[in-house]
């Protein structure tokens, strides 16, 4: 996690990124516990 910019690298696999909406410019993530520090 880049604390200054609040970014994190997330594996782009269906279990973690179940929804990608290219037309509307967003994706949904479902990170397992511990993947992103500060989230529980």
N, C-alpha and C. Protein backbone atom coordinates (compact mmCIF):
# COMPACT_ATOMS: atom_id res chain seq x y z
N UNK A 1 0.85 -1.19 0.00
CA UNK A 1 0.00 0.00 0.00
C UNK A 1 0.88 1.23 0.00
N UNK A 2 0.59 2.15 -0.88
CA UNK A 2 1.27 3.44 -0.94
C UNK A 2 0.46 4.39 -0.07
N UNK A 3 0.94 4.65 1.15
CA UNK A 3 0.18 5.47 2.10
C UNK A 3 -0.06 6.89 1.60
N UNK A 4 0.88 7.45 0.85
CA UNK A 4 0.70 8.82 0.36
C UNK A 4 -0.45 8.92 -0.64
N UNK A 5 -0.54 7.95 -1.53
CA UNK A 5 -1.55 7.99 -2.58
C UNK A 5 -2.70 7.03 -2.35
N UNK A 6 -2.64 6.25 -1.28
CA UNK A 6 -3.70 5.31 -0.94
C UNK A 6 -3.99 4.33 -2.08
N UNK A 7 -2.94 3.69 -2.58
CA UNK A 7 -3.08 2.68 -3.61
C UNK A 7 -2.56 1.34 -3.09
N UNK A 8 -3.03 0.27 -3.67
CA UNK A 8 -2.57 -1.07 -3.31
C UNK A 8 -2.58 -1.94 -4.56
N UNK A 9 -1.64 -2.87 -4.63
CA UNK A 9 -1.63 -3.84 -5.72
C UNK A 9 -2.50 -5.02 -5.31
N UNK A 10 -3.44 -5.37 -6.16
CA UNK A 10 -4.39 -6.44 -5.86
C UNK A 10 -4.33 -7.46 -7.01
N UNK A 11 -4.21 -8.75 -6.69
CA UNK A 11 -4.22 -9.75 -7.76
C UNK A 11 -5.52 -9.67 -8.56
N UNK A 12 -5.39 -9.62 -9.88
CA UNK A 12 -6.57 -9.48 -10.74
C UNK A 12 -7.10 -10.86 -11.10
N UNK A 13 -7.79 -11.48 -10.14
CA UNK A 13 -8.40 -12.79 -10.33
C UNK A 13 -9.88 -12.67 -9.96
N UNK A 14 -10.71 -13.52 -10.53
CA UNK A 14 -12.16 -13.41 -10.35
C UNK A 14 -12.59 -13.49 -8.89
N UNK A 15 -11.88 -14.27 -8.07
CA UNK A 15 -12.25 -14.40 -6.66
C UNK A 15 -12.11 -13.08 -5.90
N UNK A 16 -11.18 -12.22 -6.35
CA UNK A 16 -10.94 -10.95 -5.66
C UNK A 16 -11.58 -9.78 -6.42
N UNK A 17 -11.64 -9.87 -7.74
CA UNK A 17 -12.25 -8.82 -8.58
C UNK A 17 -13.42 -9.45 -9.33
N UNK A 18 -14.57 -9.60 -8.65
CA UNK A 18 -15.69 -10.31 -9.28
C UNK A 18 -16.46 -9.52 -10.33
N UNK A 19 -16.30 -8.19 -10.35
CA UNK A 19 -17.08 -7.38 -11.29
C UNK A 19 -16.20 -6.29 -11.90
N UNK A 20 -16.20 -6.24 -13.23
CA UNK A 20 -15.50 -5.19 -13.98
C UNK A 20 -16.51 -4.57 -14.92
N UNK A 21 -16.75 -3.28 -14.75
CA UNK A 21 -17.70 -2.56 -15.60
C UNK A 21 -16.92 -1.51 -16.39
N UNK A 22 -16.47 -1.92 -17.56
CA UNK A 22 -15.65 -1.04 -18.40
C UNK A 22 -16.45 0.17 -18.86
N UNK A 23 -17.69 -0.04 -19.25
CA UNK A 23 -18.52 1.05 -19.77
C UNK A 23 -18.69 2.18 -18.76
N UNK A 24 -18.82 1.84 -17.48
CA UNK A 24 -19.01 2.85 -16.45
C UNK A 24 -17.73 3.18 -15.68
N UNK A 25 -16.63 2.53 -16.03
CA UNK A 25 -15.34 2.88 -15.47
C UNK A 25 -15.11 2.49 -14.02
N UNK A 26 -15.61 1.32 -13.60
CA UNK A 26 -15.34 0.89 -12.23
C UNK A 26 -15.21 -0.62 -12.14
N UNK A 27 -14.64 -1.07 -11.04
CA UNK A 27 -14.60 -2.48 -10.73
C UNK A 27 -14.88 -2.66 -9.25
N UNK A 28 -15.30 -3.85 -8.89
CA UNK A 28 -15.61 -4.18 -7.50
C UNK A 28 -14.57 -5.17 -7.01
N UNK A 29 -14.04 -4.94 -5.81
CA UNK A 29 -13.10 -5.91 -5.26
C UNK A 29 -13.67 -6.50 -3.98
N UNK A 30 -13.26 -7.74 -3.71
CA UNK A 30 -13.65 -8.46 -2.52
C UNK A 30 -12.36 -9.04 -1.92
N UNK A 31 -11.52 -8.18 -1.31
CA UNK A 31 -10.22 -8.65 -0.84
C UNK A 31 -10.33 -9.52 0.41
N UNK A 32 -9.55 -10.60 0.46
CA UNK A 32 -9.54 -11.40 1.67
C UNK A 32 -8.85 -10.63 2.80
N UNK A 33 -9.17 -10.97 4.03
CA UNK A 33 -8.57 -10.29 5.18
C UNK A 33 -7.06 -10.29 5.11
N UNK A 34 -6.45 -9.14 5.38
CA UNK A 34 -5.00 -9.01 5.39
C UNK A 34 -4.39 -8.61 4.06
N UNK A 35 -5.15 -8.65 2.98
CA UNK A 35 -4.58 -8.28 1.68
C UNK A 35 -4.26 -6.80 1.62
N UNK A 36 -5.14 -5.98 2.17
CA UNK A 36 -4.94 -4.53 2.16
C UNK A 36 -4.83 -4.06 3.61
N UNK A 37 -3.63 -3.65 4.03
CA UNK A 37 -3.45 -3.20 5.41
C UNK A 37 -4.42 -2.07 5.77
N UNK A 38 -4.97 -2.15 6.96
CA UNK A 38 -5.90 -1.13 7.42
C UNK A 38 -7.35 -1.50 7.20
N UNK A 39 -7.60 -2.51 6.37
CA UNK A 39 -8.97 -3.01 6.18
C UNK A 39 -9.11 -4.32 6.94
N UNK A 40 -10.28 -4.54 7.49
CA UNK A 40 -10.48 -5.81 8.20
C UNK A 40 -11.51 -6.66 7.50
